[in-house]
Amino acid sequence: MSEAPDPEVVELATKIFDLARQGDAAALAAYVDAGVPANLTNDSGDSLVMLAAYHGHADAVRALLERGGDANRANDRGQTPLAGAVFKGADAVIRALLDGGADPAAGTPSAVDTARMFQKTELLELFGAA
């Protein structure tokens, strides 16, 4: 039988997920440096990197990747941060993720599939899939 989560822990996690959505790179870096897992995920499997990427925050993405965040970690629906950034048209985030080792072929749909879907030929060329 599992115990109910500590309300203070849930409140802190909620705050940290909000920081990722808002792109507060300095605060995220401080929390991760203090021991929060760089690959912390919410109840949908969205990592801090995914939330920062989807909301267009390249500096936050970089800060998390520099601290061990996984550029390829898919959420519960199989989506990766890179595919989310392609969907949102966030070029600076796409570059940050690629620099951090993101695989354009990972996930469902992959970043390559997403770029094809939206006819983003410049991204297909960048991914080597043109």
N, C-alpha and C. Protein backbone atom coordinates (compact mmCIF):
# COMPACT_ATOMS: atom_id res chain seq x y z
N MET A 1 0.84 -1.18 0.00
CA MET A 1 0.00 0.00 0.00
C MET A 1 0.89 1.24 0.00
N SER A 2 0.68 2.10 -0.96
CA SER A 2 1.52 3.30 -1.05
C SER A 2 0.90 4.45 -0.27
N GLU A 3 1.77 5.28 0.24
CA GLU A 3 1.31 6.44 0.99
C GLU A 3 0.95 7.56 0.02
N ALA A 4 0.07 8.43 0.47
CA ALA A 4 -0.28 9.61 -0.33
C ALA A 4 0.94 10.51 -0.41
N PRO A 5 1.13 11.18 -1.55
CA PRO A 5 2.29 12.07 -1.67
C PRO A 5 2.22 13.21 -0.66
N ASP A 6 3.37 13.59 -0.19
CA ASP A 6 3.48 14.71 0.74
C ASP A 6 3.02 15.98 0.04
N PRO A 7 2.03 16.71 0.59
CA PRO A 7 1.52 17.91 -0.07
C PRO A 7 2.60 18.96 -0.34
N GLU A 8 3.60 19.05 0.52
CA GLU A 8 4.69 20.01 0.30
C GLU A 8 5.54 19.61 -0.89
N VAL A 9 5.74 18.31 -1.07
CA VAL A 9 6.51 17.83 -2.22
C VAL A 9 5.74 18.11 -3.51
N VAL A 10 4.44 17.84 -3.48
CA VAL A 10 3.59 18.10 -4.65
C VAL A 10 3.60 19.59 -4.99
N GLU A 11 3.51 20.44 -3.96
CA GLU A 11 3.53 21.88 -4.18
C GLU A 11 4.85 22.34 -4.79
N LEU A 12 5.96 21.79 -4.29
CA LEU A 12 7.28 22.15 -4.84
C LEU A 12 7.40 21.68 -6.29
N ALA A 13 6.99 20.45 -6.56
CA ALA A 13 7.07 19.92 -7.93
C ALA A 13 6.23 20.78 -8.87
N THR A 14 5.04 21.16 -8.44
CA THR A 14 4.17 22.02 -9.26
C THR A 14 4.88 23.34 -9.56
N LYS A 15 5.52 23.90 -8.56
CA LYS A 15 6.26 25.16 -8.74
C LYS A 15 7.38 24.98 -9.77
N ILE A 16 8.10 23.88 -9.68
CA ILE A 16 9.23 23.65 -10.59
C ILE A 16 8.73 23.42 -12.02
N PHE A 17 7.63 22.69 -12.18
CA PHE A 17 7.06 22.52 -13.52
C PHE A 17 6.62 23.88 -14.09
N ASP A 18 6.06 24.73 -13.25
CA ASP A 18 5.67 26.08 -13.69
C ASP A 18 6.90 26.89 -14.11
N LEU A 19 8.00 26.75 -13.39
CA LEU A 19 9.23 27.46 -13.76
C LEU A 19 9.71 27.01 -15.14
N ALA A 20 9.56 25.73 -15.44
CA ALA A 20 9.95 25.23 -16.76
C ALA A 20 9.04 25.83 -17.83
N ARG A 21 7.74 25.87 -17.57
CA ARG A 21 6.80 26.45 -18.54
C ARG A 21 7.08 27.94 -18.76
N GLN A 22 7.50 28.64 -17.70
CA GLN A 22 7.78 30.07 -17.77
C GLN A 22 9.18 30.36 -18.29
N GLY A 23 10.04 29.34 -18.33
CA GLY A 23 11.38 29.51 -18.85
C GLY A 23 12.35 30.19 -17.90
N ASP A 24 12.15 30.04 -16.60
CA ASP A 24 13.04 30.65 -15.61
C ASP A 24 14.30 29.80 -15.46
N ALA A 25 15.25 30.02 -16.38
CA ALA A 25 16.46 29.20 -16.43
C ALA A 25 17.26 29.26 -15.13
N ALA A 26 17.40 30.44 -14.55
CA ALA A 26 18.20 30.59 -13.33
C ALA A 26 17.58 29.82 -12.16
N ALA A 27 16.28 29.94 -11.99
CA ALA A 27 15.62 29.23 -10.89
C ALA A 27 15.66 27.72 -11.12
N LEU A 28 15.43 27.28 -12.34
CA LEU A 28 15.50 25.84 -12.64
C LEU A 28 16.90 25.31 -12.35
N ALA A 29 17.92 26.05 -12.79
CA ALA A 29 19.30 25.64 -12.55
C ALA A 29 19.56 25.53 -11.05
N ALA A 30 19.08 26.49 -10.29
CA ALA A 30 19.30 26.48 -8.84
C ALA A 30 18.63 25.26 -8.20
N TYR A 31 17.41 24.96 -8.60
CA TYR A 31 16.72 23.80 -8.03
C TYR A 31 17.42 22.50 -8.39
N VAL A 32 17.82 22.36 -9.65
CA VAL A 32 18.50 21.14 -10.06
C VAL A 32 19.86 21.04 -9.35
N ASP A 33 20.57 22.15 -9.26
CA ASP A 33 21.84 22.15 -8.55
C ASP A 33 21.66 21.77 -7.08
N ALA A 34 20.48 22.07 -6.52
CA ALA A 34 20.19 21.76 -5.12
C ALA A 34 19.65 20.33 -4.93
N GLY A 35 19.47 19.59 -6.04
CA GLY A 35 19.08 18.20 -5.90
C GLY A 35 17.81 17.76 -6.58
N VAL A 36 17.05 18.67 -7.17
CA VAL A 36 15.87 18.26 -7.93
C VAL A 36 16.36 17.51 -9.17
N PRO A 37 15.78 16.35 -9.47
CA PRO A 37 16.22 15.60 -10.66
C PRO A 37 16.01 16.40 -11.95
N ALA A 38 17.04 16.45 -12.78
CA ALA A 38 16.95 17.18 -14.06
C ALA A 38 15.91 16.55 -14.98
N ASN A 39 15.60 15.27 -14.76
CA ASN A 39 14.62 14.56 -15.58
C ASN A 39 13.29 14.34 -14.86
N LEU A 40 12.98 15.21 -13.90
CA LEU A 40 11.71 15.14 -13.20
C LEU A 40 10.57 15.20 -14.22
N THR A 41 9.56 14.34 -14.04
CA THR A 41 8.42 14.33 -14.96
C THR A 41 7.12 14.52 -14.20
N ASN A 42 6.13 15.06 -14.90
CA ASN A 42 4.80 15.24 -14.30
C ASN A 42 3.95 14.00 -14.55
N ASP A 43 2.67 14.09 -14.22
CA ASP A 43 1.78 12.93 -14.34
C ASP A 43 1.47 12.53 -15.78
N SER A 44 1.90 13.34 -16.74
CA SER A 44 1.75 12.99 -18.16
C SER A 44 3.07 12.52 -18.76
N GLY A 45 4.10 12.43 -17.92
CA GLY A 45 5.41 12.03 -18.41
C GLY A 45 6.19 13.16 -19.05
N ASP A 46 5.68 14.39 -18.95
CA ASP A 46 6.40 15.54 -19.51
C ASP A 46 7.56 15.91 -18.57
N SER A 47 8.76 15.92 -19.11
CA SER A 47 9.93 16.30 -18.33
C SER A 47 10.05 17.82 -18.27
N LEU A 48 10.93 18.28 -17.41
CA LEU A 48 11.21 19.71 -17.35
C LEU A 48 11.71 20.20 -18.70
N VAL A 49 12.55 19.41 -19.36
CA VAL A 49 13.05 19.78 -20.68
C VAL A 49 11.89 19.90 -21.66
N MET A 50 10.97 18.94 -21.63
CA MET A 50 9.82 18.98 -22.53
C MET A 50 8.99 20.25 -22.31
N LEU A 51 8.71 20.57 -21.06
CA LEU A 51 7.88 21.74 -20.78
C LEU A 51 8.58 23.02 -21.21
N ALA A 52 9.87 23.14 -20.93
CA ALA A 52 10.61 24.33 -21.34
C ALA A 52 10.67 24.42 -22.87
N ALA A 53 10.89 23.29 -23.52
CA ALA A 53 10.98 23.27 -24.99
C ALA A 53 9.65 23.63 -25.62
N TYR A 54 8.58 23.01 -25.15
CA TYR A 54 7.26 23.23 -25.75
C TYR A 54 6.82 24.68 -25.61
N HIS A 55 7.26 25.32 -24.53
CA HIS A 55 6.87 26.71 -24.29
C HIS A 55 7.89 27.71 -24.84
N GLY A 56 8.89 27.20 -25.58
CA GLY A 56 9.78 28.07 -26.33
C GLY A 56 10.92 28.72 -25.57
N HIS A 57 11.41 28.07 -24.54
CA HIS A 57 12.44 28.67 -23.68
C HIS A 57 13.81 27.99 -23.87
N ALA A 58 14.56 28.47 -24.85
CA ALA A 58 15.85 27.86 -25.19
C ALA A 58 16.85 27.94 -24.03
N ASP A 59 16.89 29.06 -23.31
CA ASP A 59 17.84 29.17 -22.20
C ASP A 59 17.54 28.16 -21.10
N ALA A 60 16.28 27.96 -20.80
CA ALA A 60 15.89 26.97 -19.80
C ALA A 60 16.24 25.57 -20.28
N VAL A 61 15.99 25.29 -21.55
CA VAL A 61 16.35 23.98 -22.12
C VAL A 61 17.85 23.75 -21.96
N ARG A 62 18.65 24.74 -22.34
CA ARG A 62 20.11 24.62 -22.22
C ARG A 62 20.53 24.37 -20.77
N ALA A 63 19.96 25.14 -19.84
CA ALA A 63 20.31 25.00 -18.42
C ALA A 63 20.01 23.58 -17.93
N LEU A 64 18.88 23.04 -18.33
CA LEU A 64 18.51 21.69 -17.91
C LEU A 64 19.39 20.63 -18.56
N LEU A 65 19.68 20.79 -19.85
CA LEU A 65 20.54 19.82 -20.54
C LEU A 65 21.95 19.83 -19.95
N GLU A 66 22.45 21.01 -19.61
CA GLU A 66 23.79 21.11 -19.00
C GLU A 66 23.85 20.41 -17.65
N ARG A 67 22.69 20.20 -17.03
CA ARG A 67 22.63 19.58 -15.71
C ARG A 67 22.11 18.14 -15.78
N GLY A 68 22.16 17.55 -16.96
CA GLY A 68 21.80 16.14 -17.08
C GLY A 68 20.41 15.85 -17.60
N GLY A 69 19.66 16.87 -17.98
CA GLY A 69 18.35 16.64 -18.57
C GLY A 69 18.50 15.85 -19.86
N ASP A 70 17.55 14.99 -20.14
CA ASP A 70 17.58 14.12 -21.32
C ASP A 70 16.84 14.78 -22.48
N ALA A 71 17.57 15.12 -23.53
CA ALA A 71 16.99 15.79 -24.70
C ALA A 71 16.02 14.88 -25.45
N ASN A 72 16.11 13.57 -25.23
CA ASN A 72 15.29 12.61 -25.98
C ASN A 72 14.19 11.96 -25.16
N ARG A 73 14.01 12.38 -23.93
CA ARG A 73 13.02 11.73 -23.08
C ARG A 73 11.60 12.01 -23.58
N ALA A 74 10.93 10.95 -23.99
CA ALA A 74 9.56 11.07 -24.51
C ALA A 74 8.56 11.07 -23.35
N ASN A 75 7.44 11.75 -23.58
CA ASN A 75 6.37 11.74 -22.58
C ASN A 75 5.53 10.47 -22.76
N ASP A 76 4.45 10.37 -22.00
CA ASP A 76 3.61 9.17 -22.04
C ASP A 76 2.94 8.94 -23.38
N ARG A 77 2.89 9.96 -24.23
CA ARG A 77 2.30 9.83 -25.57
C ARG A 77 3.37 9.57 -26.63
N GLY A 78 4.63 9.41 -26.21
CA GLY A 78 5.71 9.14 -27.15
C GLY A 78 6.30 10.37 -27.80
N GLN A 79 5.90 11.55 -27.35
CA GLN A 79 6.39 12.79 -27.94
C GLN A 79 7.71 13.22 -27.28
N THR A 80 8.63 13.73 -28.08
CA THR A 80 9.91 14.20 -27.57
C THR A 80 9.93 15.74 -27.54
N PRO A 81 10.85 16.29 -26.74
CA PRO A 81 10.98 17.75 -26.72
C PRO A 81 11.25 18.34 -28.11
N LEU A 82 12.07 17.66 -28.92
CA LEU A 82 12.39 18.18 -30.25
C LEU A 82 11.16 18.22 -31.15
N ALA A 83 10.35 17.18 -31.12
CA ALA A 83 9.13 17.18 -31.92
C ALA A 83 8.19 18.30 -31.46
N GLY A 84 8.12 18.53 -30.15
CA GLY A 84 7.30 19.62 -29.64
C GLY A 84 7.80 20.97 -30.10
N ALA A 85 9.12 21.15 -30.11
CA ALA A 85 9.70 22.42 -30.56
C ALA A 85 9.46 22.63 -32.05
N VAL A 86 9.52 21.56 -32.84
CA VAL A 86 9.22 21.67 -34.27
C VAL A 86 7.76 22.07 -34.45
N PHE A 87 6.87 21.42 -33.71
CA PHE A 87 5.44 21.73 -33.78
C PHE A 87 5.18 23.20 -33.46
N LYS A 88 5.87 23.72 -32.46
CA LYS A 88 5.68 25.10 -32.03
C LYS A 88 6.47 26.10 -32.87
N GLY A 89 7.37 25.62 -33.72
CA GLY A 89 8.17 26.53 -34.55
C GLY A 89 9.20 27.31 -33.75
N ALA A 90 9.73 26.70 -32.71
CA ALA A 90 10.68 27.35 -31.81
C ALA A 90 12.12 27.05 -32.26
N ASP A 91 12.62 27.85 -33.20
CA ASP A 91 13.93 27.59 -33.80
C ASP A 91 15.08 27.58 -32.80
N ALA A 92 15.09 28.51 -31.86
CA ALA A 92 16.18 28.56 -30.87
C ALA A 92 16.16 27.32 -29.98
N VAL A 93 14.97 26.83 -29.67
CA VAL A 93 14.84 25.61 -28.86
C VAL A 93 15.30 24.41 -29.67
N ILE A 94 14.94 24.36 -30.93
CA ILE A 94 15.37 23.26 -31.80
C ILE A 94 16.90 23.19 -31.81
N ARG A 95 17.55 24.33 -31.98
CA ARG A 95 19.01 24.38 -32.00
C ARG A 95 19.59 23.92 -30.65
N ALA A 96 19.02 24.41 -29.55
CA ALA A 96 19.50 24.03 -28.22
C ALA A 96 19.37 22.52 -28.00
N LEU A 97 18.25 21.95 -28.43
CA LEU A 97 18.05 20.51 -28.27
C LEU A 97 19.02 19.71 -29.14
N LEU A 98 19.20 20.14 -30.38
CA LEU A 98 20.16 19.45 -31.26
C LEU A 98 21.56 19.53 -30.68
N ASP A 99 21.93 20.71 -30.17
CA ASP A 99 23.24 20.88 -29.54
C ASP A 99 23.38 19.97 -28.32
N GLY A 100 22.25 19.68 -27.67
CA GLY A 100 22.23 18.83 -26.49
C GLY A 100 22.05 17.35 -26.78
N GLY A 101 22.11 16.98 -28.06
CA GLY A 101 22.08 15.57 -28.43
C GLY A 101 20.72 15.02 -28.81
N ALA A 102 19.73 15.87 -29.06
CA ALA A 102 18.40 15.37 -29.43
C ALA A 102 18.46 14.62 -30.76
N ASP A 103 17.73 13.53 -30.83
CA ASP A 103 17.66 12.69 -32.02
C ASP A 103 16.39 13.03 -32.80
N PRO A 104 16.53 13.59 -34.00
CA PRO A 104 15.35 13.97 -34.79
C PRO A 104 14.45 12.80 -35.17
N ALA A 105 14.98 11.56 -35.10
CA ALA A 105 14.19 10.39 -35.47
C ALA A 105 13.48 9.76 -34.28
N ALA A 106 13.73 10.24 -33.07
CA ALA A 106 13.13 9.64 -31.86
C ALA A 106 11.69 10.10 -31.69
N GLY A 107 10.90 9.25 -31.05
CA GLY A 107 9.54 9.62 -30.67
C GLY A 107 8.50 9.33 -31.73
N THR A 108 7.24 9.51 -31.31
CA THR A 108 6.10 9.27 -32.18
C THR A 108 5.09 10.40 -32.02
N PRO A 109 4.89 11.25 -33.00
CA PRO A 109 5.71 11.34 -34.21
C PRO A 109 7.07 11.93 -33.88
N SER A 110 8.04 11.59 -34.69
CA SER A 110 9.38 12.13 -34.50
C SER A 110 9.42 13.58 -34.97
N ALA A 111 10.53 14.25 -34.66
CA ALA A 111 10.73 15.62 -35.15
C ALA A 111 10.76 15.63 -36.68
N VAL A 112 11.34 14.60 -37.28
CA VAL A 112 11.37 14.49 -38.75
C VAL A 112 9.94 14.37 -39.28
N ASP A 113 9.14 13.49 -38.66
CA ASP A 113 7.74 13.33 -39.09
C ASP A 113 6.96 14.63 -38.94
N THR A 114 7.21 15.33 -37.83
CA THR A 114 6.51 16.59 -37.57
C THR A 114 6.90 17.64 -38.60
N ALA A 115 8.20 17.72 -38.92
CA ALA A 115 8.67 18.67 -39.94
C ALA A 115 8.05 18.35 -41.30
N ARG A 116 7.95 17.06 -41.63
CA ARG A 116 7.31 16.67 -42.89
C ARG A 116 5.84 17.07 -42.90
N MET A 117 5.17 16.82 -41.79
CA MET A 117 3.74 17.12 -41.67
C MET A 117 3.47 18.60 -41.94
N PHE A 118 4.36 19.46 -41.45
CA PHE A 118 4.17 20.91 -41.60
C PHE A 118 5.00 21.49 -42.75
N GLN A 119 5.57 20.60 -43.58
CA GLN A 119 6.34 20.99 -44.77
C GLN A 119 7.45 22.00 -44.43
N LYS A 120 8.17 21.72 -43.36
CA LYS A 120 9.29 22.58 -42.94
C LYS A 120 10.57 22.01 -43.54
N THR A 121 10.77 22.31 -44.82
CA THR A 121 11.90 21.73 -45.54
C THR A 121 13.25 22.14 -44.96
N GLU A 122 13.34 23.37 -44.42
CA GLU A 122 14.62 23.79 -43.83
C GLU A 122 14.98 22.93 -42.61
N LEU A 123 13.97 22.49 -41.87
CA LEU A 123 14.24 21.62 -40.74
C LEU A 123 14.59 20.20 -41.20
N LEU A 124 13.91 19.74 -42.23
CA LEU A 124 14.26 18.43 -42.78
C LEU A 124 15.71 18.41 -43.24
N GLU A 125 16.16 19.49 -43.85
CA GLU A 125 17.57 19.60 -44.26
C GLU A 125 18.48 19.61 -43.03
N LEU A 126 18.10 20.39 -42.01
CA LEU A 126 18.88 20.45 -40.78
C LEU A 126 18.99 19.06 -40.14
N PHE A 127 17.91 18.29 -40.18
CA PHE A 127 17.89 16.95 -39.59
C PHE A 127 18.53 15.89 -40.49
N GLY A 128 18.95 16.29 -41.70
CA GLY A 128 19.54 15.34 -42.63
C GLY A 128 18.51 14.38 -43.23
N ALA A 129 17.27 14.85 -43.32
CA ALA A 129 16.18 13.98 -43.80
C ALA A 129 15.50 14.54 -45.03
N ALA A 130 16.14 15.48 -45.69
CA ALA A 130 15.51 16.12 -46.86
C ALA A 130 15.53 15.20 -48.06
